[in-house]
Structure formats: structure tokens, C-alpha cells
Amino acid sequence: MLLAISTYLKPLHDIDPHRKKHLAYLQSLVDQGALVCSGRQTPALGGVIIVHSLSKEEFAQFLEKDPFVTLGLARYDIVEFTPTLCHPKLEALLKSAC
């Protein structure tokens, strides 16, 4: 499983006009069944994206084309991890990952 943490490189007033493009781009992860969840950090210093069923290389290539990255608004750090505990409802989604 992979976790990406983004860090905003510009102020929110520069980020927010491009949020719809960013979310539309992330929709392709939903469409392929790879997205577990995503959302903005609190406080709004960046975001978090959790995926499964992608390699680290595939995920990195995907994130390189995120509008936030191509517009110079954010950067991502990817962490790979192996889940050992999860909510029972996630077990069905992740199959034997938990």
C-alpha cells in the first residue's frame, strides 16, 4: 500500500482555483479501483492520498502528472507500507492486505 503526502509550495489562494482539476485527475484512481482515500491535511498545508494495487513507480508517475505538480503548486513524498491492522470494512477492499 502507498501513502502520498503533498506539501503545498504556494499559498492557498493560488492552490484553490486548481482544486477541481486536481480532484478530476484523482478521479481516475477511483475509476481504476486504486484509491483508498484522499483529502486535505489539517491545517491545509498539503494533502494525503492512499492507494493500493499500484507499484511505487506507477504511483510516482501518476503523481508527476497531477495538475498541482505540473503547475508547480505542490510536491509529493511517497511512503510504501504494509498494513497489519485495518477496519473490517476495508478488509474486503484490500483483500489480504490487512
Protein backbone atom coordinates (compact mmCIF):
# COMPACT_ATOMS: atom_id res chain seq x y z
CA MET A 1 0.00 0.00 0.00
CA LEU A 2 1.18 3.52 -0.73
CA LEU A 3 0.67 6.82 1.01
CA ALA A 4 1.48 10.12 -0.68
CA ILE A 5 1.79 13.29 1.34
CA SER A 6 1.74 16.52 -0.61
CA THR A 7 3.23 19.77 0.53
CA TYR A 8 1.83 22.96 -0.93
CA LEU A 9 4.51 25.16 -2.45
CA LYS A 10 2.23 28.17 -2.90
CA PRO A 11 -0.40 29.88 -0.72
CA LEU A 12 -3.96 28.52 -0.65
CA HIS A 13 -5.26 31.39 -2.77
CA ASP A 14 -3.03 30.02 -5.57
CA ILE A 15 -3.96 26.37 -4.87
CA ASP A 16 -7.75 26.59 -4.60
CA PRO A 17 -8.51 27.73 -8.19
CA HIS A 18 -6.91 24.47 -9.42
CA ARG A 19 -8.54 22.12 -6.88
CA LYS A 20 -11.28 20.94 -9.29
CA LYS A 21 -8.66 19.95 -11.89
CA HIS A 22 -6.70 18.10 -9.19
CA LEU A 23 -9.79 16.23 -7.96
CA ALA A 24 -10.82 15.37 -11.52
CA TYR A 25 -7.34 13.94 -12.06
CA LEU A 26 -7.59 11.85 -8.87
CA GLN A 27 -10.93 10.50 -10.11
CA SER A 28 -9.02 8.20 -12.45
CA LEU A 29 -7.62 6.43 -9.36
CA VAL A 30 -11.20 5.94 -8.17
CA ASP A 31 -12.22 4.67 -11.60
CA GLN A 32 -9.47 2.03 -11.61
CA GLY A 33 -10.27 0.96 -8.03
CA ALA A 34 -6.87 2.01 -6.65
CA LEU A 35 -7.87 4.92 -4.39
CA VAL A 36 -8.49 4.05 -0.74
CA CYS A 37 -8.99 7.66 0.38
CA SER A 38 -7.64 11.18 -0.07
CA GLY A 39 -8.06 14.59 1.48
CA ARG A 40 -6.52 17.86 2.53
CA GLN A 41 -4.32 17.98 5.60
CA THR A 42 -5.49 19.88 8.67
CA PRO A 43 -4.24 22.57 8.75
CA ALA A 44 -4.26 22.96 4.96
CA LEU A 45 -0.55 22.58 4.27
CA GLY A 46 -0.99 19.85 1.65
CA GLY A 47 -2.89 16.61 1.22
CA VAL A 48 -2.81 12.85 1.67
CA ILE A 49 -3.59 10.12 -0.88
CA ILE A 50 -3.70 6.42 -0.01
CA VAL A 51 -3.75 3.83 -2.79
CA HIS A 52 -3.42 0.09 -3.21
CA SER A 53 -2.78 -2.13 -6.23
CA LEU A 54 -0.24 0.25 -7.80
CA SER A 55 3.53 -0.07 -7.75
CA LYS A 56 5.53 2.78 -6.25
CA GLU A 57 6.82 3.60 -9.72
CA GLU A 58 3.30 3.69 -11.22
CA PHE A 59 2.08 5.93 -8.40
CA ALA A 60 5.08 8.27 -8.75
CA GLN A 61 4.45 8.57 -12.50
CA PHE A 62 0.78 9.28 -11.84
CA LEU A 63 1.59 11.99 -9.29
CA GLU A 64 4.08 13.66 -11.64
CA LYS A 65 1.13 14.47 -13.92
CA ASP A 66 -1.14 15.80 -11.15
CA PRO A 67 -2.12 19.40 -12.03
CA PHE A 68 -0.86 20.56 -8.63
CA VAL A 69 2.60 19.25 -9.57
CA THR A 70 2.66 20.31 -13.22
CA LEU A 71 1.64 23.84 -12.19
CA GLY A 72 4.35 23.98 -9.50
CA LEU A 73 1.81 24.19 -6.67
CA ALA A 74 2.76 21.07 -4.68
CA ARG A 75 5.23 18.22 -4.35
CA TYR A 76 4.66 14.66 -3.14
CA ASP A 77 6.55 12.30 -0.86
CA ILE A 78 5.55 8.63 -1.20
CA VAL A 79 5.70 6.13 1.64
CA GLU A 80 5.21 2.42 1.00
CA PHE A 81 3.82 0.39 3.88
CA THR A 82 2.31 -3.00 4.69
CA PRO A 83 -0.97 -2.77 6.62
CA THR A 84 -1.16 -5.01 9.66
CA LEU A 85 -4.46 -3.79 11.10
CA CYS A 86 -7.44 -2.21 9.43
CA HIS A 87 -11.15 -1.71 9.87
CA PRO A 88 -13.14 -4.82 8.86
CA LYS A 89 -14.89 -2.89 6.08
CA LEU A 90 -11.50 -2.18 4.50
CA GLU A 91 -10.52 -5.85 4.58
CA ALA A 92 -12.92 -6.57 1.71
CA LEU A 93 -11.47 -3.70 -0.31
CA LEU A 94 -7.88 -4.59 0.34
CA LYS A 95 -8.40 -8.36 0.27
CA SER A 96 -5.45 -9.90 2.09
CA ALA A 97 -3.50 -6.64 2.56
CA CYS A 98 -4.58 -6.39 6.21
